[in-house]
Amino acid sequence: MTLTVGVFGAPPERDAFTKQAAAFQDPDTDVTVETRTYSGRDQAVRAYRTGDLPDVFMLSQRDLAAFTDEKLTHPVDELLDERGVSFGDDYSRDSLAAFSTDNSLACMPYSVSPMVMYINTDLVNFNKMRRQGLDAPEIDEESGRPEQWTFDQFTAAAQFATRPGKHSRGVYIDPSLLGLAPFIYSGGGKVFDDDRSPTSLAFSDGDTQAALETTLTLLRNAQVTPTPDQLNQHTPLKLFEKGRLGMIAGFRGLTPRLRLNNRLNFDVMPMPKIGRSATVGDVTGLCISANTEHLDEAADLMVHLLSDGAMSAVARAGYLVPSKVSVATSDAFLQPGRQPANAAVFNQSVRAIQVPPLLDSWSRLQTAVAPLLQQLVTAPFGDDTLQDLTERIDEASRTVLSPETESDSASPSESPSG
């Protein structure tokens, strides 16, 4: 019997996963596991949807809606329960919720990487800030590491890291839905008008506007954000790597790349708080094909891939935050002695993840609002007010989220018969 399994990610991550899949053995059946690897999520989804759907396959939560709507996944909760997998104790509630649909578990969470703030510790030095009387995060007495920080402390850190003489700037946040969402949620706003069946973004909502007003005071500050010339020459990530940017938001997948730069000293912090702790997350799961001819064996393979040993081997590559608590809190993930020293922040931030609605139109939605989000964060408003611009963002989103409604409102009304 041959079982197929699909995986995407960075080459070291794929290699580690492939090795663990090949080690699977079934005591009752002679099983060979064939791993199909993809460079990224988009390539994997294209392959899956054109008929190349493996028996077990990796899937981002952002693509779950399309796969469940097309009935491509087989629920896994009963299969794993029969095999003694403990859901409540071993996995965070948020990661399980991300893959729950119609009172069942469509896929099993495999990795859950929250967005955090990467900081250049040479440019953002909290001890120096405190000595200068600046507002900086407190240090936890037990761990010796900085605690959660406020937006005011985040602003102070961006100003501290900005050093015109060294051509360094304080912070860069991507002007995208994912980039702005943590600040909106933290400030008490909402990104969508409805978390289950959204018909529009909610940027013009009063609470969302209040959160944006606070956020944009920093993100639109040309004194602390990269100049257009800097961004024309280098990507924000490259500026961070060159030691010319104090802070940049990102996921765990950045860590191995940043470690390659021996001159870069970096750590991570949670996303700053405006009101409450909030972030977004890149949640990935393992699913079983609804069309597999080897259901029991596919479930056995999934249990093997979710075991502490197999998941630890993949976590050591440094790219993912394991969804399994026992692995996420182990040295296989925390990797003491390596940057970032504050890696436990990834685990702490999982609890603050806001799970977005299940959409099959993420890419189209981002494309529809991208120019307006760019203007919101970096360009002059012109004659628009914040209210005007956010209303235009919401209107643009409806062309993707509720095109029928937009079409109806755009069509001319019929004149009454005489």
Protein backbone atom coordinates (compact mmCIF):
# COMPACT_ATOMS: atom_id res chain seq x y z
CA MET A 1 0.00 0.00 0.00
CA THR A 2 1.21 3.50 -0.83
CA LEU A 3 0.00 6.50 1.14
CA THR A 4 0.56 10.00 -0.18
CA VAL A 5 1.13 13.04 2.00
CA GLY A 6 1.41 16.69 0.93
CA VAL A 7 3.52 19.30 2.70
CA PHE A 8 4.61 22.87 1.96
CA GLY A 9 7.15 25.16 3.56
CA ALA A 10 10.83 26.03 3.50
CA PRO A 11 13.20 23.31 2.22
CA PRO A 12 14.64 22.35 5.68
CA GLU A 13 11.11 22.11 7.05
CA ARG A 14 9.92 19.97 4.15
CA ASP A 15 12.97 17.72 4.42
CA ALA A 16 12.39 17.11 8.13
CA PHE A 17 8.69 16.39 7.53
CA THR A 18 9.49 14.01 4.65
CA LYS A 19 11.93 12.08 6.81
CA GLN A 20 9.35 11.66 9.57
CA ALA A 21 6.65 10.59 7.09
CA ALA A 22 9.00 7.96 5.62
CA ALA A 23 9.57 6.54 9.12
CA PHE A 24 5.86 5.62 9.47
CA GLN A 25 5.22 1.93 9.91
CA ASP A 26 1.98 -0.01 10.17
CA PRO A 27 2.25 -3.33 12.06
CA ASP A 28 -0.54 -4.90 9.98
CA THR A 29 0.25 -3.57 6.52
CA ASP A 30 3.30 -3.05 4.34
CA VAL A 31 2.98 0.72 3.82
CA THR A 32 5.12 3.05 1.75
CA VAL A 33 4.69 6.80 2.23
CA GLU A 34 5.20 9.04 -0.78
CA THR A 35 5.65 12.72 0.13
CA ARG A 36 4.70 15.44 -2.32
CA THR A 37 6.41 18.73 -1.48
CA TYR A 38 5.45 22.25 -2.48
CA SER A 39 7.37 25.49 -2.06
CA GLY A 40 4.47 27.34 -0.50
CA ARG A 41 0.80 27.40 0.37
CA ASP A 42 -0.36 28.76 -3.00
CA GLN A 43 1.48 26.11 -5.01
CA ALA A 44 0.12 23.36 -2.76
CA VAL A 45 -3.48 24.55 -3.05
CA ARG A 46 -3.25 24.79 -6.83
CA ALA A 47 -1.99 21.22 -6.98
CA TYR A 48 -4.62 19.94 -4.55
CA ARG A 49 -7.49 21.56 -6.44
CA THR A 50 -6.39 20.20 -9.83
CA GLY A 51 -6.70 16.61 -8.69
CA ASP A 52 -3.38 16.03 -6.95
CA LEU A 53 -4.94 15.66 -3.49
CA PRO A 54 -2.86 13.35 -1.24
CA ASP A 55 -4.34 11.00 1.35
CA VAL A 56 -3.01 13.31 4.10
CA PHE A 57 -2.25 16.92 3.24
CA MET A 58 -1.16 20.16 4.87
CA LEU A 59 -3.59 23.06 4.57
CA SER A 60 -3.68 26.66 5.78
CA GLN A 61 -6.74 27.71 7.75
CA ARG A 62 -7.23 30.50 5.21
CA ASP A 63 -8.03 27.86 2.56
CA LEU A 64 -10.25 25.70 4.73
CA ALA A 65 -13.57 27.20 3.61
CA ALA A 66 -13.03 26.30 -0.04
CA PHE A 67 -12.01 22.73 0.79
CA THR A 68 -14.91 22.07 3.15
CA ASP A 69 -17.40 23.65 0.75
CA GLU A 70 -16.18 21.28 -1.97
CA LYS A 71 -16.26 18.37 0.52
CA LEU A 72 -12.59 17.56 -0.02
CA THR A 73 -11.79 16.84 3.64
CA HIS A 74 -12.85 13.98 5.89
CA PRO A 75 -13.61 14.93 9.53
CA VAL A 76 -10.78 13.80 11.77
CA ASP A 77 -12.12 14.11 15.32
CA GLU A 78 -13.69 10.64 15.61
CA LEU A 79 -10.78 8.96 13.83
CA LEU A 80 -8.23 10.53 16.16
CA ASP A 81 -10.36 10.02 19.25
CA GLU A 82 -10.46 6.30 18.46
CA ARG A 83 -6.66 6.36 18.40
CA GLY A 84 -6.30 8.02 21.78
CA VAL A 85 -5.37 11.53 20.65
CA SER A 86 -6.10 13.96 23.50
CA PHE A 87 -7.54 17.19 22.13
CA GLY A 88 -8.28 19.18 25.27
CA ASP A 89 -4.95 18.76 27.03
CA ASP A 90 -2.45 18.69 24.18
CA TYR A 91 -3.73 21.43 21.86
CA SER A 92 -4.77 25.04 22.40
CA ARG A 93 -8.47 25.76 22.13
CA ASP A 94 -7.80 28.49 19.56
CA SER A 95 -5.93 26.19 17.19
CA LEU A 96 -8.72 23.61 17.38
CA ALA A 97 -11.35 26.31 16.81
CA ALA A 98 -9.55 27.39 13.65
CA PHE A 99 -10.30 24.03 12.00
CA SER A 100 -13.74 23.37 13.48
CA THR A 101 -16.70 23.45 11.11
CA ASP A 102 -20.26 22.21 11.52
CA ASN A 103 -19.62 20.70 14.97
CA SER A 104 -16.70 18.61 13.75
CA LEU A 105 -12.96 18.95 13.32
CA ALA A 106 -12.18 19.23 9.61
CA CYS A 107 -8.40 19.02 10.07
CA MET A 108 -5.96 18.68 12.94
CA PRO A 109 -3.91 21.77 13.83
CA TYR A 110 -0.22 21.20 13.14
CA SER A 111 1.39 24.60 13.55
CA VAL A 112 0.07 27.93 14.79
CA SER A 113 2.42 30.86 14.29
CA PRO A 114 1.19 34.16 15.74
CA MET A 115 2.36 37.48 14.38
CA VAL A 116 4.88 39.00 16.80
CA MET A 117 7.17 42.02 16.77
CA TYR A 118 10.77 41.32 15.83
CA ILE A 119 13.13 43.87 17.40
CA ASN A 120 16.76 44.74 16.69
CA THR A 121 18.13 44.70 20.25
CA ASP A 122 21.02 47.01 19.32
CA LEU A 123 18.56 49.71 18.24
CA VAL A 124 15.79 48.94 20.75
CA ASN A 125 17.48 48.55 24.13
CA PHE A 126 14.92 48.60 26.94
CA ASN A 127 17.56 48.96 29.67
CA LYS A 128 18.99 52.06 28.01
CA MET A 129 15.51 53.47 27.53
CA ARG A 130 14.73 53.09 31.23
CA ARG A 131 18.02 54.71 32.22
CA GLN A 132 17.07 57.69 30.07
CA GLY A 133 13.70 57.92 31.78
CA LEU A 134 11.78 56.64 28.76
CA ASP A 135 8.70 54.42 28.99
CA ALA A 136 9.82 50.81 28.41
CA PRO A 137 8.32 47.37 29.18
CA GLU A 138 8.88 45.98 32.66
CA ILE A 139 11.18 43.01 33.14
CA ASP A 140 9.71 39.79 34.52
CA GLU A 141 11.64 38.95 37.69
CA GLU A 142 11.40 35.19 37.17
CA SER A 143 12.43 34.96 33.51
CA GLY A 144 14.41 38.19 33.26
CA ARG A 145 12.59 38.99 30.03
CA PRO A 146 10.40 41.94 29.00
CA GLU A 147 6.68 41.60 29.64
CA GLN A 148 3.74 42.68 27.48
CA TRP A 149 4.00 46.27 26.31
CA THR A 150 1.63 49.14 25.64
CA PHE A 151 1.27 51.09 22.42
CA ASP A 152 2.87 54.11 24.12
CA GLN A 153 5.92 51.98 24.98
CA PHE A 154 5.97 50.69 21.40
CA THR A 155 5.93 54.29 20.14
CA ALA A 156 8.74 55.23 22.51
CA ALA A 157 10.80 52.27 21.24
CA ALA A 158 10.26 53.34 17.61
CA GLN A 159 11.42 56.86 18.43
CA PHE A 160 14.43 55.53 20.37
CA ALA A 161 15.49 53.30 17.44
CA THR A 162 15.30 56.18 14.95
CA ARG A 163 18.82 57.53 14.55
CA PRO A 164 19.24 59.85 11.57
CA GLY A 165 23.02 59.80 11.90
CA LYS A 166 23.02 56.03 11.36
CA HIS A 167 20.20 56.13 8.78
CA SER A 168 18.05 53.87 10.99
CA ARG A 169 14.29 54.07 11.37
CA GLY A 170 12.07 52.80 14.13
CA VAL A 171 9.35 50.57 12.71
CA TYR A 172 7.64 49.20 9.63
CA ILE A 173 4.16 47.64 9.56
CA ASP A 174 2.88 46.20 6.29
CA PRO A 175 -0.15 48.20 5.03
CA SER A 176 -2.30 45.09 4.61
CA LEU A 177 -5.27 43.47 6.29
CA LEU A 178 -3.02 41.15 8.30
CA GLY A 179 -0.61 43.96 9.13
CA LEU A 180 -3.29 46.27 10.54
CA ALA A 181 -5.58 43.65 12.09
CA PRO A 182 -3.68 43.20 15.40
CA PHE A 183 -3.89 46.92 16.12
CA ILE A 184 -7.57 47.10 15.18
CA TYR A 185 -8.48 44.14 17.38
CA SER A 186 -6.33 45.39 20.25
CA GLY A 187 -8.02 48.78 20.12
CA GLY A 188 -11.49 47.25 20.40
CA GLY A 189 -12.36 47.48 16.73
CA LYS A 190 -13.31 44.80 14.24
CA VAL A 191 -11.96 43.94 10.81
CA PHE A 192 -15.16 42.36 9.40
CA ASP A 193 -18.79 43.30 9.89
CA ASP A 194 -19.53 39.70 10.87
CA ASP A 195 -17.08 37.04 12.06
CA ARG A 196 -19.05 34.14 10.56
CA SER A 197 -20.51 35.40 7.29
CA PRO A 198 -18.94 38.77 6.50
CA THR A 199 -20.39 40.95 3.77
CA SER A 200 -17.94 43.81 4.24
CA LEU A 201 -14.88 45.01 6.08
CA ALA A 202 -15.67 47.22 9.08
CA PHE A 203 -12.99 49.89 8.82
CA SER A 204 -15.60 52.68 9.02
CA ASP A 205 -17.01 51.30 12.28
CA GLY A 206 -16.61 53.78 15.13
CA ASP A 207 -14.49 51.52 17.35
CA THR A 208 -12.33 50.50 14.42
CA GLN A 209 -11.74 54.13 13.49
CA ALA A 210 -10.72 54.91 17.07
CA ALA A 211 -8.17 52.07 16.98
CA LEU A 212 -6.88 53.25 13.60
CA GLU A 213 -6.53 56.84 14.80
CA THR A 214 -4.20 55.64 17.56
CA THR A 215 -2.26 53.31 15.27
CA LEU A 216 -1.82 55.78 12.43
CA THR A 217 -0.29 58.42 14.69
CA LEU A 218 2.79 56.19 14.62
CA LEU A 219 2.55 54.40 11.27
CA ARG A 220 2.05 57.69 9.37
CA ASN A 221 4.92 59.39 11.23
CA ALA A 222 7.53 59.95 8.51
CA GLN A 223 10.17 60.61 11.15
CA VAL A 224 10.21 57.03 12.48
CA THR A 225 9.18 54.93 9.46
CA PRO A 226 11.38 54.07 6.44
CA THR A 227 11.66 56.75 3.80
CA PRO A 228 10.42 56.15 0.24
CA ASP A 229 14.06 56.12 -0.91
CA GLN A 230 14.92 53.42 1.62
CA LEU A 231 11.96 51.30 0.53
CA ASN A 232 12.86 51.77 -3.13
CA GLN A 233 16.34 50.40 -2.43
CA HIS A 234 15.52 47.62 0.04
CA THR A 235 12.58 45.64 1.32
CA PRO A 236 11.62 46.33 4.95
CA LEU A 237 13.00 42.91 5.91
CA LYS A 238 16.31 43.73 4.23
CA LEU A 239 16.48 47.02 6.13
CA PHE A 240 15.96 45.07 9.35
CA GLU A 241 18.68 42.60 8.41
CA LYS A 242 21.08 45.46 7.62
CA GLY A 243 20.53 46.95 11.09
CA ARG A 244 18.68 50.00 9.76
CA LEU A 245 15.21 49.20 11.09
CA GLY A 246 14.35 48.80 14.75
CA MET A 247 11.16 46.72 14.54
CA ILE A 248 9.19 44.70 12.02
CA ALA A 249 6.16 42.46 12.50
CA GLY A 250 6.37 38.88 11.31
CA PHE A 251 5.85 35.17 11.94
CA ARG A 252 8.14 32.40 13.18
CA GLY A 253 9.23 31.62 9.63
CA LEU A 254 11.50 34.70 9.67
CA THR A 255 13.68 33.26 12.44
CA PRO A 256 15.95 30.92 10.44
CA ARG A 257 16.66 33.63 7.87
CA LEU A 258 17.55 36.21 10.52
CA ARG A 259 19.83 33.72 12.27
CA LEU A 260 22.01 33.58 9.17
CA ASN A 261 23.13 37.16 9.79
CA ASN A 262 25.87 36.89 12.42
CA ARG A 263 25.94 40.65 12.94
CA LEU A 264 22.23 40.94 13.69
CA ASN A 265 21.08 40.79 17.31
CA PHE A 266 17.34 40.31 17.52
CA ASP A 267 14.56 39.18 19.80
CA VAL A 268 10.76 39.07 19.72
CA MET A 269 8.01 40.82 21.64
CA PRO A 270 4.23 40.37 21.58
CA MET A 271 2.27 42.76 19.41
CA PRO A 272 1.77 45.96 21.45
CA LYS A 273 -1.45 46.54 23.35
CA ILE A 274 -3.77 49.45 22.67
CA GLY A 275 -6.49 47.98 24.86
CA ARG A 276 -6.22 44.21 24.99
CA SER A 277 -3.75 41.59 23.78
CA ALA A 278 -4.48 40.69 20.17
CA THR A 279 -2.72 39.36 17.12
CA VAL A 280 -3.35 37.31 14.00
CA GLY A 281 -1.93 33.91 13.23
CA ASP A 282 -0.88 31.66 10.41
CA VAL A 283 -2.57 28.39 11.40
CA THR A 284 -1.76 25.22 9.45
CA GLY A 285 -3.39 21.83 9.80
CA LEU A 286 -3.15 18.26 8.58
CA CYS A 287 -6.22 17.00 6.75
CA ILE A 288 -7.41 13.67 5.39
CA SER A 289 -8.76 13.52 1.86
CA ALA A 290 -12.45 12.70 1.60
CA ASN A 291 -11.54 10.50 -1.37
CA THR A 292 -8.82 8.43 0.23
CA GLU A 293 -9.13 4.68 -0.28
CA HIS A 294 -7.09 4.02 2.88
CA LEU A 295 -8.95 5.94 5.59
CA ASP A 296 -7.73 3.97 8.61
CA GLU A 297 -4.13 3.95 7.45
CA ALA A 298 -4.28 7.68 6.66
CA ALA A 299 -5.52 8.31 10.20
CA ASP A 300 -2.67 6.19 11.59
CA LEU A 301 -0.19 8.20 9.54
CA MET A 302 -1.64 11.44 10.87
CA VAL A 303 -1.26 10.21 14.47
CA HIS A 304 2.37 9.40 13.72
CA LEU A 305 3.03 12.85 12.24
CA LEU A 306 1.41 14.47 15.29
CA SER A 307 3.54 12.51 17.76
CA ASP A 308 5.99 14.39 19.97
CA GLY A 309 8.99 12.81 18.26
CA ALA A 310 7.93 13.55 14.70
CA MET A 311 6.75 17.07 15.43
CA SER A 312 9.88 17.88 17.47
CA ALA A 313 12.08 16.87 14.55
CA VAL A 314 10.28 19.34 12.28
CA ALA A 315 10.24 22.07 14.94
CA ARG A 316 14.03 21.92 15.25
CA ALA A 317 14.28 23.36 11.73
CA GLY A 318 13.08 26.60 13.34
CA TYR A 319 10.24 27.60 11.01
CA LEU A 320 7.06 26.56 12.79
CA VAL A 321 5.37 26.98 16.15
CA PRO A 322 4.02 23.51 16.99
CA SER A 323 0.33 23.38 17.82
CA LYS A 324 1.01 20.62 20.32
CA VAL A 325 1.68 22.17 23.73
CA SER A 326 4.20 19.54 24.86
CA VAL A 327 6.38 20.22 21.81
CA ALA A 328 5.90 24.01 21.80
CA THR A 329 7.18 24.21 25.39
CA SER A 330 10.14 21.88 24.78
CA ASP A 331 13.73 22.72 23.87
CA ALA A 332 13.03 21.41 20.36
CA PHE A 333 11.07 24.61 19.74
CA LEU A 334 12.41 27.09 22.32
CA GLN A 335 16.02 26.29 21.35
CA PRO A 336 17.74 27.93 24.35
CA GLY A 337 21.00 29.62 23.53
CA ARG A 338 19.82 30.67 20.08
CA GLN A 339 18.09 33.84 18.95
CA PRO A 340 15.44 34.89 19.74
CA ALA A 341 16.03 34.51 23.48
CA ASN A 342 12.39 35.35 24.19
CA ALA A 343 10.98 32.55 21.96
CA ALA A 344 8.32 31.77 24.57
CA VAL A 345 6.57 34.90 23.26
CA PHE A 346 5.30 32.82 20.32
CA ASN A 347 3.54 30.44 22.71
CA GLN A 348 2.18 33.27 24.85
CA SER A 349 0.83 35.06 21.78
CA VAL A 350 -1.12 32.03 20.56
CA ARG A 351 -3.78 32.84 23.17
CA ALA A 352 -4.21 36.31 21.67
CA ILE A 353 -4.84 35.13 18.10
CA GLN A 354 -8.08 36.38 16.57
CA VAL A 355 -9.33 33.70 14.18
CA PRO A 356 -10.64 35.34 10.98
CA PRO A 357 -13.80 34.24 9.17
CA LEU A 358 -13.46 31.24 6.88
CA LEU A 359 -13.14 32.81 3.44
CA ASP A 360 -12.18 31.42 0.06
CA SER A 361 -11.46 34.93 -1.22
CA TRP A 362 -8.57 36.18 0.95
CA SER A 363 -6.28 36.97 -1.98
CA ARG A 364 -8.97 38.74 -3.98
CA LEU A 365 -10.05 40.73 -0.93
CA GLN A 366 -6.51 41.92 -0.21
CA THR A 367 -6.05 42.87 -3.87
CA ALA A 368 -9.30 44.86 -3.88
CA VAL A 369 -8.38 47.02 -0.90
CA ALA A 370 -4.56 47.13 -1.23
CA PRO A 371 -4.29 50.61 -2.87
CA LEU A 372 -6.60 52.13 -0.27
CA LEU A 373 -4.74 50.51 2.63
CA GLN A 374 -1.49 51.84 1.17
CA GLN A 375 -2.98 55.32 1.11
CA LEU A 376 -4.32 54.88 4.65
CA VAL A 377 -0.87 54.12 6.05
CA THR A 378 1.64 55.95 3.87
CA ALA A 379 0.10 58.49 1.48
CA PRO A 380 -1.59 61.88 1.97
CA PHE A 381 -5.34 61.64 2.44
CA GLY A 382 -5.90 64.53 0.03
CA ASP A 383 -9.42 65.85 0.42
CA ASP A 384 -10.52 62.66 2.18
CA THR A 385 -11.00 62.37 5.92
CA LEU A 386 -10.30 59.13 7.79
CA GLN A 387 -14.05 58.50 7.69
CA ASP A 388 -14.12 58.97 3.90
CA LEU A 389 -11.17 56.69 3.30
CA THR A 390 -12.40 53.89 5.57
CA GLU A 391 -15.82 54.02 3.93
CA ARG A 392 -14.13 53.58 0.56
CA ILE A 393 -12.18 50.60 1.94
CA ASP A 394 -15.41 48.98 3.12
CA GLU A 395 -17.09 49.69 -0.21
CA ALA A 396 -14.20 48.10 -2.13
CA SER A 397 -14.38 45.01 0.09
CA ARG A 398 -18.03 44.45 -0.75
CA THR A 399 -17.18 43.85 -4.39
CA VAL A 400 -15.52 40.63 -3.16
CA LEU A 401 -17.47 39.71 -0.04
CA SER A 402 -20.99 40.54 -1.26
CA PRO A 403 -20.85 41.13 -5.02
CA GLU A 404 -24.54 40.32 -5.47
CA THR A 405 -25.53 43.14 -3.13
CA GLU A 406 -23.17 45.54 -4.87
CA SER A 407 -24.60 44.52 -8.26
CA ASP A 408 -28.16 45.06 -7.07
CA SER A 409 -27.41 48.48 -5.65
CA ALA A 410 -25.61 49.53 -8.85
CA SER A 411 -28.44 48.52 -11.20
CA PRO A 412 -30.96 51.24 -12.10
CA SER A 413 -34.33 50.92 -10.47
CA GLU A 414 -37.21 50.03 -12.70
CA SER A 415 -39.66 52.84 -13.36
CA PRO A 416 -43.26 52.17 -12.35
CA SER A 417 -45.64 51.41 -15.17
CA GLY A 418 -48.09 54.14 -16.06
